[in-house]
Amino acid sequence: MTYGLVKNLVNGGFADASDGGTIDVTNPATNDALIAQVPAMTRNDLDAVFAAAETGAKVWKGTGHLERGRILIEASRLIRVRCSELVDVIVAEMGKTQAEAIGEVGKSAEFFEYYGGLARASFGEYLPDGRPGTFASQIREPVGVVLLITPWNDPLLTPARKMAPALLAGNAVVVKPATVTPIIALKLAEILHDAGVPAGVLGTVTGRGSDIGDALLSYGAIKAVSFTGSTDVGLGLQRRLAGTGVRLQTEMGGKNAAVVLEDADLDLAVPAIVAGAFAQAGQRCTATSRLIVQRGVEAEVVEKVNAAVRALRVAAGNIPGADLGPVVSREAQRDVQEHVAKALAEGAQVLAVADAAHELESEGSFVEPTFLRIARDSSIWREEVFGPVLSMVVVDTPEEAIEAVNDSSYGLSSAVFTKNLSKAFQFVEGVDTGQVSVNQPTTGWDIHHPFGGFKESGSAFKEQGTEALNFYSRTKTVAIRTH
């Protein structure tokens, strides 16, 4: 299936690049199948997008909360109506399995439904005032124009996660999707347009980083930037925006650990760990990358994980029964393979691989799901792989397990498997991660759960739930003398 030239939403219409330049989007399962082209925008094109956004911000701020909510709920309905097309796009451009793509579409619809419903919630509060005849209140208002920079691994869900609260709060939104998976974000913009978002309130930008990367952040209209992607880029944004007054929300890398204590239910733990590590080909910020096992259950855990890994079916995302598809590109494939090769050179031991994947590596961007035993001085213990690789170390005590979880520059998500409530609470209190699970995977956070990591995994501003609205709005305190 091909989509031709998919255009950007600019000031209520759909536009290509002013100079006619395009970027090819290909299928990672074949690497040579052209899916579509998107405009390769330049600085001149960005001028039009941000000029429209400045006007759109004024219009949208003056639009009532209930009308904003109605439009978001209509967008949710249209996402579900167009589910089949959206699933096909995600499978084709990103490589997810159909089941994973269906889940992404459904959850994206829920984001708009949830925030649309919040339009009827309170956006302020009454404040007592000691002065006679004075009425005081706290109200929330939009910050203005916000720039959303979204990644390739959840190319529909992440824009939805950011757009829905930003729009509900009354902001104009400019979205820059990842260059390798831009189609689905542009399809989402079409849906918001059809749902009734006014001209200028939502705009999209596609282009090469070398052409527009620096220019994107140069517009004085931008009041907030929300970024999901690599830690290196996120830290660069922090440095770039420091002292500018532009607020920044970053959701960056992870090196997430699952801990299996000696009293764990292994029939519960192993499927959750394997799904957390290998679903979506390991390309999730919350994917389980490190497995920390208490010594008493080491042999049994290894046996069960080995069997589960060997049973994984790797295939193109449109093949029924596929457990995981390719990684997103040849570059990503090489990067994962180099991480594994480096680990082996440093003494890692391969415990299991899904052998059937090997024959696909030359056909597309496929990577063998790999289970390794490593030492904590191995590079792969600390470096984010972002692929289907799970690395195991063994510890003696729950306290050592907590210390191992925290032995990372990242602090996104962690999990512990235990039947002991005291040990579970000890883990929750002791780990330095923004998301913590007990007898659940490191993945799978719901739309109303505040989401974000500590250390080099994120910023102080959480995404999702009502917490997200704190980033996309500002507080104004009002005191009125009535008599």
Protein backbone atom coordinates (compact mmCIF):
# COMPACT_ATOMS: atom_id res chain seq x y z
CA MET A 1 0.00 0.00 0.00
CA THR A 2 1.33 3.45 -0.93
CA TYR A 3 0.08 6.89 0.05
CA GLY A 4 1.74 9.22 -2.45
CA LEU A 5 2.65 12.66 -1.14
CA VAL A 6 1.20 13.20 2.33
CA LYS A 7 1.05 16.94 3.01
CA ASN A 8 1.41 19.03 6.15
CA LEU A 9 -1.43 20.83 7.88
CA VAL A 10 -0.65 24.56 7.65
CA ASN A 11 -3.16 27.27 8.60
CA GLY A 12 -6.17 25.04 8.07
CA GLY A 13 -5.05 23.66 4.69
CA PHE A 14 -2.69 21.00 3.40
CA ALA A 15 0.62 22.10 1.90
CA ASP A 16 3.79 20.66 0.42
CA ALA A 17 7.22 22.24 0.72
CA SER A 18 7.59 25.60 -1.02
CA ASP A 19 10.49 24.31 -3.10
CA GLY A 20 8.82 20.97 -3.84
CA GLY A 21 11.40 18.90 -1.96
CA THR A 22 10.31 15.57 -0.50
CA ILE A 23 11.50 12.86 1.90
CA ASP A 24 10.94 9.18 1.15
CA VAL A 25 9.33 6.96 3.79
CA THR A 26 10.06 3.23 3.43
CA ASN A 27 8.96 -0.04 4.99
CA PRO A 28 11.49 -1.46 7.50
CA ALA A 29 10.35 -5.02 6.78
CA THR A 30 11.69 -4.72 3.22
CA ASN A 31 13.82 -1.55 3.28
CA ASP A 32 13.22 -0.89 -0.37
CA ALA A 33 9.45 -0.49 -0.55
CA LEU A 34 8.45 3.17 -0.82
CA ILE A 35 5.37 3.85 1.28
CA ALA A 36 4.98 7.57 0.79
CA GLN A 37 6.69 10.90 0.53
CA VAL A 38 6.35 13.88 2.85
CA PRO A 39 7.38 17.51 2.26
CA ALA A 40 10.99 18.45 3.04
CA MET A 41 10.19 21.81 4.59
CA THR A 42 12.63 24.71 4.81
CA ARG A 43 12.86 27.81 7.00
CA ASN A 44 10.46 29.68 4.69
CA ASP A 45 7.83 26.99 5.24
CA LEU A 46 8.30 27.19 9.02
CA ASP A 47 7.62 30.92 8.94
CA ALA A 48 4.12 30.25 7.63
CA VAL A 49 3.45 27.53 10.20
CA PHE A 50 4.42 29.65 13.21
CA ALA A 51 2.72 32.79 11.92
CA ALA A 52 -0.50 30.79 11.66
CA ALA A 53 0.07 29.34 15.12
CA GLU A 54 0.37 32.79 16.70
CA THR A 55 -3.01 33.73 15.27
CA GLY A 56 -4.46 30.33 16.09
CA ALA A 57 -3.38 30.61 19.72
CA LYS A 58 -5.52 33.72 20.16
CA VAL A 59 -8.53 32.08 18.53
CA TRP A 60 -8.21 28.88 20.54
CA LYS A 61 -7.69 30.68 23.85
CA GLY A 62 -11.00 32.40 23.25
CA THR A 63 -12.74 29.12 22.47
CA GLY A 64 -14.71 27.73 25.40
CA HIS A 65 -13.50 24.66 27.27
CA LEU A 66 -16.59 22.67 26.37
CA GLU A 67 -16.11 23.37 22.67
CA ARG A 68 -12.48 22.30 22.90
CA GLY A 69 -13.60 19.13 24.64
CA ARG A 70 -16.26 18.44 22.01
CA ILE A 71 -13.66 18.63 19.25
CA LEU A 72 -11.29 16.29 21.10
CA ILE A 73 -14.07 13.75 21.63
CA GLU A 74 -14.97 13.97 17.94
CA ALA A 75 -11.31 13.33 17.11
CA SER A 76 -11.44 10.25 19.33
CA ARG A 77 -14.47 9.01 17.39
CA LEU A 78 -12.78 9.58 14.04
CA ILE A 79 -9.64 7.73 15.15
CA ARG A 80 -11.78 4.69 15.87
CA VAL A 81 -13.69 5.03 12.60
CA ARG A 82 -10.42 5.15 10.65
CA CYS A 83 -8.71 2.47 12.73
CA SER A 84 -8.05 0.11 9.82
CA GLU A 85 -6.19 2.72 7.76
CA LEU A 86 -4.20 3.94 10.77
CA VAL A 87 -3.16 0.39 11.66
CA ASP A 88 -1.95 -0.22 8.10
CA VAL A 89 0.15 2.96 8.21
CA ILE A 90 1.78 2.08 11.55
CA VAL A 91 2.62 -1.46 10.41
CA ALA A 92 4.02 -0.20 7.09
CA GLU A 93 6.17 2.71 8.27
CA MET A 94 7.25 1.59 11.74
CA GLY A 95 7.16 -2.22 11.51
CA LYS A 96 4.88 -2.99 14.45
CA THR A 97 2.72 -6.10 14.40
CA GLN A 98 -0.94 -5.62 13.62
CA ALA A 99 -1.86 -6.40 17.22
CA GLU A 100 0.57 -3.76 18.49
CA ALA A 101 -0.72 -1.21 15.98
CA ILE A 102 -4.34 -1.89 16.91
CA GLY A 103 -3.44 -1.30 20.55
CA GLU A 104 -1.69 1.96 19.68
CA VAL A 105 -4.68 3.26 17.73
CA GLY A 106 -7.07 2.37 20.53
CA LYS A 107 -4.97 4.02 23.20
CA SER A 108 -4.51 7.14 21.06
CA ALA A 109 -8.29 7.45 20.78
CA GLU A 110 -8.53 7.13 24.55
CA PHE A 111 -6.19 10.10 25.06
CA PHE A 112 -8.51 12.41 23.12
CA GLU A 113 -11.57 10.90 24.81
CA TYR A 114 -10.07 11.32 28.28
CA TYR A 115 -8.95 14.93 27.82
CA GLY A 116 -12.17 15.79 26.00
CA GLY A 117 -14.05 14.63 29.08
CA LEU A 118 -11.82 16.74 31.32
CA ALA A 119 -13.22 19.83 29.62
CA ARG A 120 -15.97 19.68 32.25
CA ALA A 121 -13.50 19.53 35.13
CA SER A 122 -12.47 22.53 37.24
CA PHE A 123 -9.69 24.68 35.78
CA GLY A 124 -9.35 26.87 38.85
CA GLU A 125 -10.40 27.29 42.46
CA TYR A 126 -11.79 29.77 44.95
CA LEU A 127 -9.21 31.25 47.35
CA PRO A 128 -10.18 32.76 50.71
CA ASP A 129 -9.01 36.35 51.13
CA GLY A 130 -8.58 38.20 54.41
CA ARG A 131 -9.48 41.58 52.96
CA PRO A 132 -13.13 42.64 53.29
CA GLY A 133 -15.29 42.58 50.19
CA THR A 134 -12.67 40.69 48.18
CA PHE A 135 -13.18 37.66 45.99
CA ALA A 136 -9.98 35.75 45.11
CA SER A 137 -9.47 32.84 42.76
CA GLN A 138 -6.86 30.85 40.93
CA ILE A 139 -7.41 30.28 37.21
CA ARG A 140 -5.42 28.40 34.59
CA GLU A 141 -4.78 29.69 31.10
CA PRO A 142 -2.83 28.44 28.08
CA VAL A 143 0.85 29.26 27.69
CA GLY A 144 0.45 30.06 23.95
CA VAL A 145 2.24 28.24 21.13
CA VAL A 146 3.77 24.85 22.01
CA LEU A 147 6.16 22.76 19.93
CA LEU A 148 5.85 18.98 20.16
CA ILE A 149 8.80 16.89 18.97
CA THR A 150 7.77 13.25 18.76
CA PRO A 151 9.66 9.96 18.22
CA TRP A 152 9.37 7.11 15.75
CA ASN A 153 8.68 4.24 18.15
CA ASP A 154 5.10 5.23 19.07
CA PRO A 155 4.40 7.49 16.09
CA LEU A 156 0.66 7.90 16.73
CA LEU A 157 0.38 7.43 20.48
CA THR A 158 3.06 9.96 21.47
CA PRO A 159 1.62 12.81 19.38
CA ALA A 160 -1.82 11.96 20.81
CA ARG A 161 -0.44 11.91 24.36
CA LYS A 162 0.95 15.41 23.90
CA MET A 163 -1.61 17.01 21.58
CA ALA A 164 -4.72 16.17 23.60
CA PRO A 165 -3.74 17.96 26.86
CA ALA A 166 -2.03 20.80 24.98
CA LEU A 167 -5.19 21.47 22.95
CA LEU A 168 -7.54 21.08 25.91
CA ALA A 169 -5.51 23.68 27.81
CA GLY A 170 -6.08 26.13 24.94
CA ASN A 171 -2.70 26.21 23.21
CA ALA A 172 -1.83 26.30 19.55
CA VAL A 173 0.26 23.25 18.69
CA VAL A 174 3.03 22.65 16.16
CA VAL A 175 4.05 18.98 15.78
CA LYS A 176 7.38 17.80 14.39
CA PRO A 177 7.18 14.00 13.92
CA ALA A 178 10.20 11.75 13.47
CA THR A 179 11.55 11.78 9.92
CA VAL A 180 11.39 7.98 9.52
CA THR A 181 7.75 7.66 10.66
CA PRO A 182 5.93 10.91 9.80
CA ILE A 183 2.90 9.60 7.91
CA ILE A 184 0.78 8.56 10.87
CA ALA A 185 1.23 11.94 12.61
CA LEU A 186 0.06 13.71 9.47
CA LYS A 187 -2.95 11.38 9.32
CA LEU A 188 -3.72 12.34 12.93
CA ALA A 189 -3.54 16.02 11.96
CA GLU A 190 -6.09 15.32 9.20
CA ILE A 191 -8.38 13.82 11.82
CA LEU A 192 -8.08 16.86 14.11
CA HIS A 193 -8.77 19.09 11.11
CA ASP A 194 -11.88 17.07 10.24
CA ALA A 195 -12.96 17.15 13.88
CA GLY A 196 -13.14 20.94 13.72
CA VAL A 197 -9.85 22.36 15.03
CA PRO A 198 -9.72 25.97 13.70
CA ALA A 199 -7.08 27.13 11.24
CA GLY A 200 -3.70 27.77 12.82
CA VAL A 201 -4.46 25.93 16.05
CA LEU A 202 -2.66 22.82 14.82
CA GLY A 203 0.22 22.67 12.36
CA THR A 204 2.65 19.95 11.32
CA VAL A 205 6.24 20.17 10.17
CA THR A 206 8.26 17.57 8.27
CA GLY A 207 11.84 18.08 7.18
CA ARG A 208 15.43 17.03 7.61
CA GLY A 209 17.12 18.01 10.84
CA SER A 210 19.97 19.58 8.91
CA ASP A 211 17.50 21.92 7.21
CA ILE A 212 15.12 22.89 10.00
CA GLY A 213 16.48 21.54 13.29
CA ASP A 214 18.00 24.79 14.56
CA ALA A 215 15.32 26.95 12.97
CA LEU A 216 12.51 25.13 14.79
CA LEU A 217 13.60 26.51 18.15
CA SER A 218 14.28 30.05 16.95
CA TYR A 219 10.70 31.34 16.94
CA GLY A 220 9.84 33.74 19.73
CA ALA A 221 6.23 32.58 19.61
CA ILE A 222 7.18 29.25 21.21
CA LYS A 223 6.38 29.21 24.91
CA ALA A 224 6.83 25.50 25.63
CA VAL A 225 8.51 22.47 24.05
CA SER A 226 7.60 18.86 24.77
CA PHE A 227 10.16 16.34 23.54
CA THR A 228 10.27 12.56 23.49
CA GLY A 229 13.41 10.93 22.16
CA SER A 230 17.05 10.21 22.91
CA THR A 231 18.78 11.47 26.02
CA ASP A 232 21.51 13.17 23.99
CA VAL A 233 18.99 15.26 22.07
CA GLY A 234 16.92 15.97 25.17
CA LEU A 235 19.92 17.21 27.13
CA GLY A 236 20.88 19.33 24.13
CA LEU A 237 17.43 20.92 24.20
CA GLN A 238 17.87 21.67 27.90
CA ARG A 239 21.10 23.50 27.17
CA ARG A 240 19.63 25.29 24.15
CA LEU A 241 16.56 26.58 26.00
CA ALA A 242 18.21 27.37 29.33
CA GLY A 243 17.60 30.99 30.26
CA THR A 244 15.08 31.62 27.46
CA GLY A 245 11.93 31.36 29.57
CA VAL A 246 10.63 28.54 27.34
CA ARG A 247 9.43 25.68 29.50
CA LEU A 248 10.69 22.22 28.49
CA GLN A 249 9.28 18.77 29.08
CA THR A 250 11.55 15.86 28.17
CA GLU A 251 10.85 12.13 28.11
CA MET A 252 14.17 10.53 27.22
CA GLY A 253 16.00 7.23 27.51
CA GLY A 254 15.66 4.31 29.86
CA LYS A 255 17.59 1.28 31.05
CA ASN A 256 14.68 -0.34 32.80
CA ALA A 257 15.17 -3.23 35.19
CA ALA A 258 12.90 -6.06 36.30
CA VAL A 259 13.83 -7.81 39.55
CA VAL A 260 12.86 -11.41 40.34
CA LEU A 261 13.15 -12.26 44.03
CA GLU A 262 13.35 -15.82 45.34
CA ASP A 263 9.70 -15.92 46.42
CA ALA A 264 8.31 -14.69 43.06
CA ASP A 265 5.60 -16.47 41.11
CA LEU A 266 7.71 -17.35 38.07
CA ASP A 267 4.70 -18.31 35.96
CA LEU A 268 3.57 -14.70 36.38
CA ALA A 269 6.98 -13.07 36.23
CA VAL A 270 8.56 -14.65 33.16
CA PRO A 271 5.78 -13.91 30.62
CA ALA A 272 5.61 -10.32 31.91
CA ILE A 273 9.38 -9.86 31.62
CA VAL A 274 9.59 -11.41 28.15
CA ALA A 275 6.70 -9.27 26.89
CA GLY A 276 8.25 -6.18 28.44
CA ALA A 277 11.61 -6.89 26.84
CA PHE A 278 10.68 -8.09 23.36
CA ALA A 279 7.28 -6.67 22.40
CA GLN A 280 7.56 -3.92 19.81
CA ALA A 281 11.04 -5.34 19.11
CA GLY A 282 12.22 -3.77 22.35
CA GLN A 283 11.70 -0.28 20.94
CA ARG A 284 9.92 1.28 23.89
CA CYS A 285 11.33 3.73 26.39
CA THR A 286 9.89 1.53 29.15
CA ALA A 287 11.08 -1.78 27.65
CA THR A 288 12.70 -4.19 30.11
CA SER A 289 16.40 -4.08 29.28
CA ARG A 290 17.96 -5.43 32.49
CA LEU A 291 16.89 -8.56 34.39
CA ILE A 292 18.11 -8.81 37.99
CA VAL A 293 17.57 -12.27 39.50
CA GLN A 294 18.07 -13.39 43.09
CA ARG A 295 20.46 -16.32 43.11
CA GLY A 296 18.09 -18.92 44.56
CA VAL A 297 15.87 -18.89 41.45
CA GLU A 298 18.56 -18.23 38.83
CA ALA A 299 18.45 -21.66 37.18
CA GLU A 300 14.68 -21.80 36.96
CA VAL A 301 14.37 -18.25 35.63
CA VAL A 302 17.00 -18.90 32.96
CA GLU A 303 15.26 -22.09 31.87
CA LYS A 304 11.86 -20.41 31.57
CA VAL A 305 13.11 -17.25 29.86
CA ASN A 306 15.20 -19.30 27.42
CA ALA A 307 12.14 -21.30 26.40
CA ALA A 308 10.02 -18.16 25.98
CA VAL A 309 12.65 -16.38 23.88
CA ARG A 310 13.18 -19.36 21.59
CA ALA A 311 9.43 -19.53 21.01
CA LEU A 312 9.14 -15.92 19.82
CA ARG A 313 8.02 -15.57 16.21
CA VAL A 314 9.71 -12.77 14.31
CA ALA A 315 8.04 -11.68 11.05
CA ALA A 316 6.79 -8.68 9.12
CA GLY A 317 4.10 -6.90 11.10
CA ASN A 318 1.33 -7.86 8.67
CA ILE A 319 2.02 -11.60 9.10
CA PRO A 320 -0.60 -13.18 11.42
CA GLY A 321 0.86 -14.54 14.62
CA ALA A 322 4.01 -12.40 14.59
CA ASP A 323 5.23 -11.66 18.12
CA LEU A 324 7.56 -8.88 16.97
CA GLY A 325 8.46 -7.25 13.71
CA PRO A 326 11.59 -5.48 12.48
CA VAL A 327 13.32 -2.60 14.14
CA VAL A 328 12.62 0.72 12.49
CA SER A 329 15.56 0.96 10.06
CA ARG A 330 18.83 -0.56 8.85
CA GLU A 331 20.64 1.99 11.02
CA ALA A 332 18.74 0.80 14.09
CA GLN A 333 19.46 -2.81 13.13
CA ARG A 334 23.19 -2.15 12.92
CA ASP A 335 23.15 -0.26 16.21
CA VAL A 336 21.50 -3.14 18.11
CA GLN A 337 23.81 -5.71 16.54
CA GLU A 338 26.86 -3.62 17.48
CA HIS A 339 25.69 -3.42 21.10
CA VAL A 340 25.40 -7.21 21.26
CA ALA A 341 28.77 -7.77 19.55
CA LYS A 342 30.43 -5.39 22.00
CA ALA A 343 28.84 -7.17 24.96
CA LEU A 344 30.08 -10.54 23.70
CA ALA A 345 33.58 -9.13 23.24
CA GLU A 346 33.42 -7.99 26.89
CA GLY A 347 32.52 -11.49 28.07
CA ALA A 348 28.73 -11.69 27.87
CA GLN A 349 27.18 -15.14 27.34
CA VAL A 350 24.29 -15.77 24.97
CA LEU A 351 21.64 -17.73 26.84
CA ALA A 352 18.99 -17.82 24.11
CA VAL A 353 18.03 -16.32 20.76
CA ALA A 354 14.95 -16.64 18.55
CA ASP A 355 16.89 -18.42 15.80
CA ALA A 356 14.22 -18.07 13.13
CA ALA A 357 14.89 -14.34 12.95
CA HIS A 358 18.42 -14.75 11.60
CA GLU A 359 17.33 -15.59 8.06
CA LEU A 360 15.24 -12.40 7.88
CA GLU A 361 18.09 -10.01 8.66
CA SER A 362 19.11 -9.62 5.03
CA GLU A 363 15.52 -9.03 3.89
CA GLY A 364 14.67 -6.22 6.25
CA SER A 365 15.61 -4.54 9.50
CA PHE A 366 15.11 -7.61 11.65
CA VAL A 367 17.10 -8.40 14.80
CA GLU A 368 17.27 -11.71 16.67
CA PRO A 369 15.63 -11.43 20.11
CA THR A 370 18.60 -12.10 22.39
CA PHE A 371 18.93 -13.07 26.05
CA LEU A 372 22.37 -12.47 27.60
CA ARG A 373 24.12 -13.14 30.90
CA ILE A 374 26.43 -10.19 31.64
CA ALA A 375 28.57 -8.64 34.34
CA ARG A 376 27.82 -5.20 35.72
CA ASP A 377 31.02 -3.80 34.26
CA SER A 378 29.74 -4.57 30.77
CA SER A 379 28.90 -1.60 28.54
CA ILE A 380 25.47 -3.04 27.78
CA TRP A 381 24.58 -2.79 31.48
CA ARG A 382 24.56 1.00 31.15
CA GLU A 383 23.94 1.82 27.48
CA GLU A 384 20.43 2.01 26.07
CA VAL A 385 20.09 -0.55 23.28
CA PHE A 386 16.52 0.17 22.12
CA GLY A 387 16.08 -3.24 20.58
CA PRO A 388 15.10 -6.83 21.47
CA VAL A 389 17.94 -7.56 23.91
CA LEU A 390 17.56 -8.59 27.57
CA SER A 391 20.64 -8.74 29.81
CA MET A 392 20.70 -10.62 33.12
CA VAL A 393 22.78 -10.32 36.28
CA VAL A 394 22.45 -12.28 39.52
CA VAL A 395 22.31 -10.82 43.05
CA ASP A 396 22.13 -12.30 46.54
CA THR A 397 19.70 -10.03 48.43
CA PRO A 398 16.75 -7.71 47.81
CA GLU A 399 18.90 -4.81 48.98
CA GLU A 400 21.54 -5.65 46.37
CA ALA A 401 18.77 -5.81 43.75
CA ILE A 402 17.62 -2.27 44.60
CA GLU A 403 21.21 -1.04 44.44
CA ALA A 404 21.57 -2.67 41.01
CA VAL A 405 18.39 -1.03 39.71
CA ASN A 406 19.72 2.36 40.79
CA ASP A 407 23.13 1.71 39.22
CA SER A 408 22.21 3.66 36.10
CA SER A 409 22.16 7.21 34.82
CA TYR A 410 18.56 6.54 33.80
CA GLY A 411 15.51 6.39 36.06
CA LEU A 412 12.41 5.71 34.01
CA SER A 413 10.72 2.43 34.95
CA SER A 414 11.38 -0.60 37.15
CA ALA A 415 9.54 -3.69 38.35
CA VAL A 416 9.84 -6.27 41.10
CA PHE A 417 8.28 -9.72 41.28
CA THR A 418 7.65 -10.96 44.82
CA LYS A 419 4.89 -12.37 47.02
CA ASN A 420 6.19 -10.49 50.07
CA LEU A 421 4.41 -7.20 50.72
CA SER A 422 7.21 -5.89 52.90
CA LYS A 423 9.80 -6.51 50.17
CA ALA A 424 7.51 -4.91 47.61
CA PHE A 425 7.23 -1.69 49.62
CA GLN A 426 10.96 -1.76 50.31
CA PHE A 427 11.49 -1.83 46.54
CA VAL A 428 8.96 0.94 45.83
CA GLU A 429 10.60 3.22 48.38
CA GLY A 430 14.16 2.34 47.43
CA VAL A 431 14.31 2.56 43.64
CA ASP A 432 15.09 5.83 41.91
CA THR A 433 12.66 5.54 39.00
CA GLY A 434 9.61 7.58 38.08
CA GLN A 435 7.49 4.52 37.33
CA VAL A 436 7.50 1.46 39.61
CA SER A 437 5.59 -1.82 39.17
CA VAL A 438 5.04 -4.75 41.51
CA ASN A 439 4.22 -8.04 39.79
CA GLN A 440 3.61 -6.11 36.57
CA PRO A 441 5.88 -5.34 33.58
CA THR A 442 7.98 -2.20 33.33
CA THR A 443 5.68 -1.27 30.42
CA GLY A 444 1.95 -0.64 30.11
CA TRP A 445 1.05 2.63 31.86
CA ASP A 446 -2.53 3.83 31.38
CA ILE A 447 -3.50 7.21 29.91
CA HIS A 448 -4.46 8.75 33.27
CA HIS A 449 -1.30 7.57 35.07
CA PRO A 450 1.23 10.39 35.40
CA PHE A 451 4.22 9.30 33.35
CA GLY A 452 7.88 10.30 33.37
CA GLY A 453 11.29 9.38 34.68
CA PHE A 454 14.00 10.65 36.99
CA LYS A 455 17.67 11.46 36.36
CA GLU A 456 18.55 11.40 32.64
CA SER A 457 15.19 9.84 31.73
CA GLY A 458 13.07 12.95 32.04
CA SER A 459 12.24 16.36 33.41
CA ALA A 460 10.19 17.60 36.33
CA PHE A 461 7.04 17.83 34.19
CA LYS A 462 5.09 14.57 33.98
CA GLU A 463 3.02 13.53 30.98
CA GLN A 464 -0.48 11.97 31.03
CA GLY A 465 -3.31 12.41 33.49
CA THR A 466 -4.15 15.76 35.00
CA GLU A 467 -0.42 16.25 35.66
CA ALA A 468 0.10 16.95 31.94
CA LEU A 469 -2.14 20.03 32.14
CA ASN A 470 0.31 21.63 34.57
CA PHE A 471 2.89 21.80 31.79
CA TYR A 472 0.53 23.15 29.13
CA SER A 473 -1.02 25.87 31.28
CA ARG A 474 0.01 28.63 33.68
CA THR A 475 -1.60 29.78 36.90
CA LYS A 476 -3.03 33.25 37.29
CA THR A 477 -4.17 34.45 40.71
CA VAL A 478 -6.98 37.01 40.73
CA ALA A 479 -8.28 39.22 43.56
CA ILE A 480 -11.39 41.36 42.98
CA ARG A 481 -12.78 43.88 45.47
CA THR A 482 -16.54 43.64 45.08
CA HIS A 483 -17.63 46.32 47.56
